[in-house]
PDB file of all heavy atoms in Angstrom:
ATOM      1  N   ARG A   1     113.219  83.904 102.627  1.00  0.00           N
ATOM      2  CA  ARG A   1     112.819  82.513 102.427  1.00  0.00           C
ATOM      3  C   ARG A   1     112.178  82.335 101.048  1.00  0.00           C
ATOM      4  O   ARG A   1     111.846  83.309 100.388  1.00  0.00           O
ATOM      5  CB  ARG A   1     111.845  82.069 103.526  1.00  0.00           C
ATOM      6  CG  ARG A   1     112.443  82.122 104.928  1.00  0.00           C
ATOM      7  CD  ARG A   1     111.434  81.663 105.969  1.00  0.00           C
ATOM      8  NE  ARG A   1     112.020  81.676 107.314  1.00  0.00           N
ATOM      9  CZ  ARG A   1     112.668  80.664 107.855  1.00  0.00           C
ATOM     10  NH1 ARG A   1     112.836  79.542 107.154  1.00  0.00           N
ATOM     11  NH2 ARG A   1     113.159  80.750 109.067  1.00  0.00           N
ATOM     12  N   ASN A   2     112.002  81.086 100.643  1.00  0.00           N
ATOM     13  CA  ASN A   2     111.348  80.805  99.376  1.00  0.00           C
ATOM     14  C   ASN A   2     109.930  81.356  99.388  1.00  0.00           C
ATOM     15  O   ASN A   2     109.232  81.298 100.407  1.00  0.00           O
ATOM     16  CB  ASN A   2     111.295  79.298  99.114  1.00  0.00           C
ATOM     17  CG  ASN A   2     112.667  78.720  98.826  1.00  0.00           C
ATOM     18  OD1 ASN A   2     113.587  79.452  98.468  1.00  0.00           O
ATOM     19  ND2 ASN A   2     112.799  77.412  98.985  1.00  0.00           N
ATOM     20  N   ALA A   3     109.489  81.867  98.238  1.00  0.00           N
ATOM     21  CA  ALA A   3     108.162  82.456  98.156  1.00  0.00           C
ATOM     22  C   ALA A   3     107.641  82.345  96.731  1.00  0.00           C
ATOM     23  O   ALA A   3     108.394  82.136  95.775  1.00  0.00           O
ATOM     24  CB  ALA A   3     108.190  83.928  98.590  1.00  0.00           C
ATOM     25  N   ASP A   4     106.348  82.485  96.603  1.00  0.00           N
ATOM     26  CA  ASP A   4     105.711  82.552  95.298  1.00  0.00           C
ATOM     27  C   ASP A   4     106.248  83.778  94.552  1.00  0.00           C
ATOM     28  O   ASP A   4     106.498  84.824  95.148  1.00  0.00           O
ATOM     29  CB  ASP A   4     104.189  82.660  95.494  1.00  0.00           C
ATOM     30  CG  ASP A   4     103.415  82.478  94.205  1.00  0.00           C
ATOM     31  OD1 ASP A   4     103.565  83.324  93.310  1.00  0.00           O
ATOM     32  OD2 ASP A   4     102.650  81.507  94.113  1.00  0.00           O
ATOM     33  N   VAL A   5     106.406  83.656  93.231  1.00  0.00           N
ATOM     34  CA  VAL A   5     106.958  84.752  92.446  1.00  0.00           C
ATOM     35  C   VAL A   5     106.089  86.004  92.543  1.00  0.00           C
ATOM     36  O   VAL A   5     106.576  87.137  92.428  1.00  0.00           O
ATOM     37  CB  VAL A   5     107.142  84.321  90.974  1.00  0.00           C
ATOM     38  CG1 VAL A   5     105.795  84.074  90.305  1.00  0.00           C
ATOM     39  CG2 VAL A   5     107.946  85.357  90.194  1.00  0.00           C
ATOM     40  N   ARG A   6     104.790  85.817  92.801  1.00  0.00           N
ATOM     41  CA  ARG A   6     103.905  86.977  92.916  1.00  0.00           C
ATOM     42  C   ARG A   6     104.252  87.840  94.132  1.00  0.00           C
ATOM     43  O   ARG A   6     103.871  89.009  94.202  1.00  0.00           O
ATOM     44  CB  ARG A   6     102.450  86.519  93.008  1.00  0.00           C
ATOM     45  CG  ARG A   6     101.904  85.915  91.720  1.00  0.00           C
ATOM     46  CD  ARG A   6     100.527  85.322  91.940  1.00  0.00           C
ATOM     47  NE  ARG A   6     100.588  84.150  92.795  1.00  0.00           N
ATOM     48  CZ  ARG A   6      99.497  83.480  93.221  1.00  0.00           C
ATOM     49  NH1 ARG A   6      98.292  83.909  92.872  1.00  0.00           N
ATOM     50  NH2 ARG A   6      99.619  82.414  93.974  1.00  0.00           N
ATOM     51  N   ALA A   7     104.960  87.246  95.092  1.00  0.00           N
ATOM     52  CA  ALA A   7     105.368  88.010  96.271  1.00  0.00           C
ATOM     53  C   ALA A   7     106.305  89.160  95.902  1.00  0.00           C
ATOM     54  O   ALA A   7     106.456  90.116  96.672  1.00  0.00           O
ATOM     55  CB  ALA A   7     106.054  87.092  97.279  1.00  0.00           C
ATOM     56  N   PHE A   8     106.927  89.100  94.728  1.00  0.00           N
ATOM     57  CA  PHE A   8     107.823  90.162  94.290  1.00  0.00           C
ATOM     58  C   PHE A   8     107.327  90.880  93.046  1.00  0.00           C
ATOM     59  O   PHE A   8     107.566  92.070  92.873  1.00  0.00           O
ATOM     60  CB  PHE A   8     109.229  89.591  94.030  1.00  0.00           C
ATOM     61  CG  PHE A   8     109.885  89.044  95.258  1.00  0.00           C
ATOM     62  CD1 PHE A   8     109.780  87.706  95.583  1.00  0.00           C
ATOM     63  CD2 PHE A   8     110.580  89.879  96.118  1.00  0.00           C
ATOM     64  CE1 PHE A   8     110.364  87.206  96.730  1.00  0.00           C
ATOM     65  CE2 PHE A   8     111.170  89.389  97.260  1.00  0.00           C
ATOM     66  CZ  PHE A   8     111.063  88.039  97.575  1.00  0.00           C
ATOM     67  N   SER A   9     106.640  90.157  92.180  1.00  0.00           N
ATOM     68  CA  SER A   9     106.230  90.750  90.903  1.00  0.00           C
ATOM     69  C   SER A   9     104.931  91.539  90.985  1.00  0.00           C
ATOM     70  O   SER A   9     104.666  92.377  90.118  1.00  0.00           O
ATOM     71  CB  SER A   9     106.100  89.656  89.835  1.00  0.00           C
ATOM     72  OG  SER A   9     105.067  88.734  90.190  1.00  0.00           O
ATOM     73  N   GLU A  10     104.102  91.298  92.012  1.00  0.00           N
ATOM     74  CA  GLU A  10     102.789  91.931  92.062  1.00  0.00           C
ATOM     75  C   GLU A  10     102.609  92.793  93.308  1.00  0.00           C
ATOM     76  O   GLU A  10     101.490  92.998  93.763  1.00  0.00           O
ATOM     77  CB  GLU A  10     101.682  90.873  91.981  1.00  0.00           C
ATOM     78  CG  GLU A  10     101.694  90.067  90.690  1.00  0.00           C
ATOM     79  CD  GLU A  10     100.553  89.075  90.612  1.00  0.00           C
ATOM     80  OE1 GLU A  10      99.618  89.185  91.424  1.00  0.00           O
ATOM     81  OE2 GLU A  10     100.596  88.184  89.742  1.00  0.00           O
ATOM     82  N   ARG A  11     103.695  93.295  93.865  1.00  0.00           N
ATOM     83  CA  ARG A  11     103.559  94.154  95.034  1.00  0.00           C
ATOM     84  C   ARG A  11     104.093  95.555  94.726  1.00  0.00           C
ATOM     85  O   ARG A  11     104.836  95.778  93.761  1.00  0.00           O
ATOM     86  CB  ARG A  11     104.268  93.565  96.248  1.00  0.00           C
ATOM     87  CG  ARG A  11     105.745  93.461  96.151  1.00  0.00           C
ATOM     88  CD  ARG A  11     106.363  93.124  97.507  1.00  0.00           C
ATOM     89  NE  ARG A  11     105.989  91.816  98.004  1.00  0.00           N
ATOM     90  CZ  ARG A  11     105.245  91.612  99.090  1.00  0.00           C
ATOM     91  NH1 ARG A  11     104.769  92.644  99.775  1.00  0.00           N
ATOM     92  NH2 ARG A  11     104.970  90.399  99.506  1.00  0.00           N
ATOM     93  N   TRP A  12     103.704  96.521  95.576  1.00  0.00           N
ATOM     94  CA  TRP A  12     104.056  97.933  95.389  1.00  0.00           C
ATOM     95  C   TRP A  12     105.554  98.136  95.600  1.00  0.00           C
ATOM     96  O   TRP A  12     106.134  97.663  96.576  1.00  0.00           O
ATOM     97  CB  TRP A  12     103.264  98.783  96.361  1.00  0.00           C
ATOM     98  CG  TRP A  12     103.335 100.257  96.096  1.00  0.00           C
ATOM     99  CD1 TRP A  12     102.495 100.997  95.318  1.00  0.00           C
ATOM    100  CD2 TRP A  12     104.302 101.173  96.625  1.00  0.00           C
ATOM    101  NE1 TRP A  12     102.864 102.308  95.319  1.00  0.00           N
ATOM    102  CE2 TRP A  12     103.978 102.454  96.111  1.00  0.00           C
ATOM    103  CE3 TRP A  12     105.407 101.042  97.465  1.00  0.00           C
ATOM    104  CZ2 TRP A  12     104.708 103.587  96.423  1.00  0.00           C
ATOM    105  CZ3 TRP A  12     106.142 102.168  97.773  1.00  0.00           C
ATOM    106  CH2 TRP A  12     105.786 103.427  97.254  1.00  0.00           C
ATOM    107  N   LYS A  13     106.191  98.851  94.658  1.00  0.00           N
ATOM    108  CA  LYS A  13     107.623  99.146  94.771  1.00  0.00           C
ATOM    109  C   LYS A  13     107.912 100.648  94.694  1.00  0.00           C
ATOM    110  O   LYS A  13     108.833 101.145  95.330  1.00  0.00           O
ATOM    111  CB  LYS A  13     108.406  98.434  93.667  1.00  0.00           C
ATOM    112  CG  LYS A  13     108.249  96.919  93.637  1.00  0.00           C
ATOM    113  CD  LYS A  13     109.085  96.304  92.527  1.00  0.00           C
ATOM    114  CE  LYS A  13     108.872  94.809  92.427  1.00  0.00           C
ATOM    115  NZ  LYS A  13     107.509  94.463  91.971  1.00  0.00           N
ATOM    116  N   GLN A  14     107.100 101.338  93.867  1.00  0.00           N
ATOM    117  CA  GLN A  14     107.343 102.775  93.699  1.00  0.00           C
ATOM    118  C   GLN A  14     106.032 103.479  93.407  1.00  0.00           C
ATOM    119  O   GLN A  14     105.030 102.843  93.056  1.00  0.00           O
ATOM    120  CB  GLN A  14     108.335 103.020  92.555  1.00  0.00           C
ATOM    121  CG  GLN A  14     107.871 102.483  91.221  1.00  0.00           C
ATOM    122  CD  GLN A  14     108.934 102.581  90.151  1.00  0.00           C
ATOM    123  OE1 GLN A  14     110.051 102.982  90.401  1.00  0.00           O
ATOM    124  NE2 GLN A  14     108.578 102.225  88.923  1.00  0.00           N
ATOM    125  N   ALA A  15     106.032 104.806  93.570  1.00  0.00           N
ATOM    126  CA  ALA A  15     104.827 105.596  93.346  1.00  0.00           C
ATOM    127  C   ALA A  15     104.296 105.375  91.936  1.00  0.00           C
ATOM    128  O   ALA A  15     105.048 105.374  90.963  1.00  0.00           O
ATOM    129  CB  ALA A  15     105.119 107.074  93.574  1.00  0.00           C
ATOM    130  N   GLY A  16     102.980 105.163  91.864  1.00  0.00           N
ATOM    131  CA  GLY A  16     102.331 104.935  90.577  1.00  0.00           C
ATOM    132  C   GLY A  16     102.012 103.483  90.307  1.00  0.00           C
ATOM    133  O   GLY A  16     101.240 103.180  89.377  1.00  0.00           O
ATOM    134  N   ASP A  17     102.569 102.549  91.091  1.00  0.00           N
ATOM    135  CA  ASP A  17     102.281 101.128  90.892  1.00  0.00           C
ATOM    136  C   ASP A  17     100.839 100.813  91.299  1.00  0.00           C
ATOM    137  O   ASP A  17     100.420 101.117  92.419  1.00  0.00           O
ATOM    138  CB  ASP A  17     103.234 100.271  91.729  1.00  0.00           C
ATOM    139  CG  ASP A  17     104.640 100.231  91.158  1.00  0.00           C
ATOM    140  OD1 ASP A  17     104.804 100.647  89.993  1.00  0.00           O
ATOM    141  OD2 ASP A  17     105.563  99.794  91.877  1.00  0.00           O
ATOM    142  N   VAL A  18     100.087 100.197  90.389  1.00  0.00           N
ATOM    143  CA  VAL A  18      98.729  99.721  90.678  1.00  0.00           C
ATOM    144  C   VAL A  18      98.821  98.205  90.822  1.00  0.00           C
ATOM    145  O   VAL A  18      98.854  97.479  89.821  1.00  0.00           O
ATOM    146  CB  VAL A  18      97.742 100.122  89.568  1.00  0.00           C
ATOM    147  CG1 VAL A  18      96.344  99.624  89.902  1.00  0.00           C
ATOM    148  CG2 VAL A  18      97.744 101.626  89.373  1.00  0.00           C
ATOM    149  N   VAL A  19      98.897  97.724  92.048  1.00  0.00           N
ATOM    150  CA  VAL A  19      99.189  96.313  92.328  1.00  0.00           C
ATOM    151  C   VAL A  19      98.273  95.820  93.453  1.00  0.00           C
ATOM    152  O   VAL A  19      97.701  96.611  94.211  1.00  0.00           O
ATOM    153  CB  VAL A  19     100.664  96.135  92.726  1.00  0.00           C
ATOM    154  CG1 VAL A  19     101.580  96.341  91.536  1.00  0.00           C
ATOM    155  CG2 VAL A  19     101.030  97.079  93.858  1.00  0.00           C
ATOM    156  N   PRO A  20      98.147  94.503  93.612  1.00  0.00           N
ATOM    157  CA  PRO A  20      97.262  93.964  94.651  1.00  0.00           C
ATOM    158  C   PRO A  20      97.927  93.769  96.012  1.00  0.00           C
ATOM    159  O   PRO A  20      97.225  93.492  96.987  1.00  0.00           O
ATOM    160  CB  PRO A  20      96.835  92.615  94.068  1.00  0.00           C
ATOM    161  CG  PRO A  20      97.969  92.201  93.191  1.00  0.00           C
ATOM    162  CD  PRO A  20      98.544  93.467  92.635  1.00  0.00           C
ATOM    163  N   TYR A  21      99.281  93.895  96.109  1.00  0.00           N
ATOM    164  CA  TYR A  21      99.947  93.577  97.366  1.00  0.00           C
ATOM    165  C   TYR A  21     100.793  94.738  97.870  1.00  0.00           C
ATOM    166  O   TYR A  21     101.313  95.539  97.094  1.00  0.00           O
ATOM    167  CB  TYR A  21     100.824  92.328  97.211  1.00  0.00           C
ATOM    168  CG  TYR A  21     100.048  91.109  96.799  1.00  0.00           C
ATOM    169  CD1 TYR A  21     100.226  90.552  95.537  1.00  0.00           C
ATOM    170  CD2 TYR A  21      99.117  90.532  97.653  1.00  0.00           C
ATOM    171  CE1 TYR A  21      99.509  89.440  95.138  1.00  0.00           C
ATOM    172  CE2 TYR A  21      98.395  89.419  97.272  1.00  0.00           C
ATOM    173  CZ  TYR A  21      98.588  88.879  96.013  1.00  0.00           C
ATOM    174  OH  TYR A  21      97.862  87.778  95.628  1.00  0.00           O
ATOM    175  N   LEU A  22     100.969  94.778  99.208  1.00  0.00           N
ATOM    176  CA  LEU A  22     101.702  95.849  99.867  1.00  0.00           C
ATOM    177  C   LEU A  22     103.194  95.810  99.560  1.00  0.00           C
ATOM    178  O   LEU A  22     103.738  94.790  99.105  1.00  0.00           O
ATOM    179  CB  LEU A  22     101.516  95.744 101.388  1.00  0.00           C
ATOM    180  CG  LEU A  22     100.138  96.049 101.969  1.00  0.00           C
ATOM    181  CD1 LEU A  22     100.095  95.612 103.422  1.00  0.00           C
ATOM    182  CD2 LEU A  22      99.816  97.525 101.839  1.00  0.00           C
ATOM    183  N   ASN A  23     103.855  96.909  99.859  1.00  0.00           N
ATOM    184  CA  ASN A  23     105.307  96.986  99.815  1.00  0.00           C
ATOM    185  C   ASN A  23     105.875  95.944 100.769  1.00  0.00           C
ATOM    186  O   ASN A  23     105.383  95.747 101.882  1.00  0.00           O
ATOM    187  CB  ASN A  23     105.751  98.400 100.234  1.00  0.00           C
ATOM    188  CG  ASN A  23     107.246  98.596 100.084  1.00  0.00           C
ATOM    189  OD1 ASN A  23     108.012  97.645  99.970  1.00  0.00           O
ATOM    190  ND2 ASN A  23     107.661  99.850 100.096  1.00  0.00           N
ATOM    191  N   ILE A  24     106.927  95.266 100.355  1.00  0.00           N
ATOM    192  CA  ILE A  24     107.478  94.191 101.169  1.00  0.00           C
ATOM    193  C   ILE A  24     107.983  94.691 102.518  1.00  0.00           C
ATOM    194  O   ILE A  24     108.056  93.937 103.491  1.00  0.00           O
ATOM    195  CB  ILE A  24     108.605  93.465 100.401  1.00  0.00           C
ATOM    196  CG1 ILE A  24     108.836  92.091 101.018  1.00  0.00           C
ATOM    197  CG2 ILE A  24     109.883  94.294 100.377  1.00  0.00           C
ATOM    198  CD1 ILE A  24     109.693  91.196 100.183  1.00  0.00           C
ATOM    199  N   SER A  25     108.327  95.949 102.630  1.00  0.00           N
ATOM    200  CA  SER A  25     108.785  96.496 103.912  1.00  0.00           C
ATOM    201  C   SER A  25     107.657  96.589 104.925  1.00  0.00           C
ATOM    202  O   SER A  25     107.904  96.758 106.115  1.00  0.00           O
ATOM    203  CB  SER A  25     109.397  97.886 103.700  1.00  0.00           C
ATOM    204  OG  SER A  25     108.416  98.801 103.225  1.00  0.00           O
ATOM    205  N   LYS A  26     106.410  96.479 104.467  1.00  0.00           N
ATOM    206  CA  LYS A  26     105.265  96.586 105.365  1.00  0.00           C
ATOM    207  C   LYS A  26     104.808  95.223 105.872  1.00  0.00           C
ATOM    208  O   LYS A  26     103.825  95.127 106.607  1.00  0.00           O
ATOM    209  CB  LYS A  26     104.101  97.256 104.633  1.00  0.00           C
ATOM    210  CG  LYS A  26     104.407  98.658 104.093  1.00  0.00           C
ATOM    211  CD  LYS A  26     104.602  99.657 105.201  1.00  0.00           C
ATOM    212  CE  LYS A  26     104.820 101.057 104.639  1.00  0.00           C
ATOM    213  NZ  LYS A  26     105.026 102.049 105.714  1.00  0.00           N
ATOM    214  N   THR A  27     105.475  94.147 105.430  1.00  0.00           N
ATOM    215  CA  THR A  27     105.015  92.804 105.773  1.00  0.00           C
ATOM    216  C   THR A  27     106.119  92.015 106.437  1.00  0.00           C
ATOM    217  O   THR A  27     107.208  92.507 106.692  1.00  0.00           O
ATOM    218  CB  THR A  27     104.558  92.071 104.501  1.00  0.00           C
ATOM    219  OG1 THR A  27     105.695  91.900 103.637  1.00  0.00           O
ATOM    220  CG2 THR A  27     103.496  92.859 103.753  1.00  0.00           C
ATOM    221  N   GLY A  28     105.821  90.732 106.696  1.00  0.00           N
ATOM    222  CA  GLY A  28     106.835  89.837 107.239  1.00  0.00           C
ATOM    223  C   GLY A  28     106.741  89.615 108.730  1.00  0.00           C
ATOM    224  O   GLY A  28     107.518  88.845 109.280  1.00  0.00           O
ATOM    225  N   GLY A  29     105.778  90.232 109.400  1.00  0.00           N
ATOM    226  CA  GLY A  29     105.621  90.035 110.839  1.00  0.00           C
ATOM    227  C   GLY A  29     104.742  88.846 111.172  1.00  0.00           C
ATOM    228  O   GLY A  29     104.350  88.074 110.311  1.00  0.00           O
ATOM    229  N   GLN A  30     104.419  88.702 112.445  1.00  0.00           N
ATOM    230  CA  GLN A  30     103.595  87.599 112.905  1.00  0.00           C
ATOM    231  C   GLN A  30     102.151  88.017 113.167  1.00  0.00           C
ATOM    232  O   GLN A  30     101.375  87.249 113.723  1.00  0.00           O
ATOM    233  CB  GLN A  30     104.200  87.016 114.195  1.00  0.00           C
ATOM    234  CG  GLN A  30     105.591  86.436 113.996  1.00  0.00           C
ATOM    235  CD  GLN A  30     105.611  85.311 112.976  1.00  0.00           C
ATOM    236  OE1 GLN A  30     104.766  84.420 113.027  1.00  0.00           O
ATOM    237  NE2 GLN A  30     106.551  85.355 112.049  1.00  0.00           N
ATOM    238  N   THR A  31     101.811  89.248 112.801  1.00  0.00           N
ATOM    239  CA  THR A  31     100.430  89.714 112.957  1.00  0.00           C
ATOM    240  C   THR A  31      99.873  90.059 111.585  1.00  0.00           C
ATOM    241  O   THR A  31     100.608  90.348 110.639  1.00  0.00           O
ATOM    242  CB  THR A  31     100.368  90.953 113.874  1.00  0.00           C
ATOM    243  OG1 THR A  31     101.153  92.005 113.308  1.00  0.00           O
ATOM    244  CG2 THR A  31     100.890  90.611 115.263  1.00  0.00           C
ATOM    245  N   TYR A  32      98.532  90.026 111.494  1.00  0.00           N
ATOM    246  CA  TYR A  32      97.870  90.224 110.213  1.00  0.00           C
ATOM    247  C   TYR A  32      96.772  91.270 110.341  1.00  0.00           C
ATOM    248  O   TYR A  32      96.230  91.503 111.428  1.00  0.00           O
ATOM    249  CB  TYR A  32      97.245  88.913 109.728  1.00  0.00           C
ATOM    250  CG  TYR A  32      98.227  87.771 109.642  1.00  0.00           C
ATOM    251  CD1 TYR A  32      98.275  86.794 110.637  1.00  0.00           C
ATOM    252  CD2 TYR A  32      99.094  87.654 108.570  1.00  0.00           C
ATOM    253  CE1 TYR A  32      99.167  85.738 110.564  1.00  0.00           C
ATOM    254  CE2 TYR A  32      99.988  86.594 108.475  1.00  0.00           C
ATOM    255  CZ  TYR A  32     100.019  85.636 109.481  1.00  0.00           C
ATOM    256  OH  TYR A  32     100.902  84.602 109.393  1.00  0.00           O
ATOM    257  N   THR A  33      96.473  91.892 109.210  1.00  0.00           N
ATOM    258  CA  THR A  33      95.299  92.758 109.114  1.00  0.00           C
ATOM    259  C   THR A  33      94.326  92.071 108.177  1.00  0.00           C
ATOM    260  O   THR A  33      94.694  91.663 107.074  1.00  0.00           O
ATOM    261  CB  THR A  33      95.676  94.146 108.558  1.00  0.00           C
ATOM    262  OG1 THR A  33      96.312  93.990 107.289  1.00  0.00           O
ATOM    263  CG2 THR A  33      96.603  94.874 109.514  1.00  0.00           C
ATOM    264  N   TYR A  34      93.080  91.943 108.631  1.00  0.00           N
ATOM    265  CA  TYR A  34      92.082  91.193 107.872  1.00  0.00           C
ATOM    266  C   TYR A  34      91.223  92.160 107.060  1.00  0.00           C
ATOM    267  O   TYR A  34      90.376  92.868 107.609  1.00  0.00           O
ATOM    268  CB  TYR A  34      91.202  90.375 108.812  1.00  0.00           C
ATOM    269  CG  TYR A  34      91.996  89.438 109.708  1.00  0.00           C
ATOM    270  CD1 TYR A  34      92.021  89.619 111.091  1.00  0.00           C
ATOM    271  CD2 TYR A  34      92.717  88.390 109.167  1.00  0.00           C
ATOM    272  CE1 TYR A  34      92.742  88.768 111.908  1.00  0.00           C
ATOM    273  CE2 TYR A  34      93.452  87.528 109.979  1.00  0.00           C
ATOM    274  CZ  TYR A  34      93.456  87.724 111.347  1.00  0.00           C
ATOM    275  OH  TYR A  34      94.176  86.886 112.146  1.00  0.00           O
ATOM    276  N   SER A  35      91.461  92.180 105.757  1.00  0.00           N
ATOM    277  CA  SER A  35      90.658  93.029 104.880  1.00  0.00           C
ATOM    278  C   SER A  35      90.016  92.169 103.801  1.00  0.00           C
ATOM    279  O   SER A  35      90.436  91.023 103.565  1.00  0.00           O
ATOM    280  CB  SER A  35      91.515  94.126 104.242  1.00  0.00           C
ATOM    281  OG  SER A  35      92.315  93.600 103.197  1.00  0.00           O
TER     282      SER A  35
END
């Protein structure tokens, strides 16, 4: 679905990435973790 560009540009993709968001494979469900 449509998303903010940060949903792809600022998330973890490979080892060594220092980013604020999780790998996209870890998200997309209907439950959340509150940190």
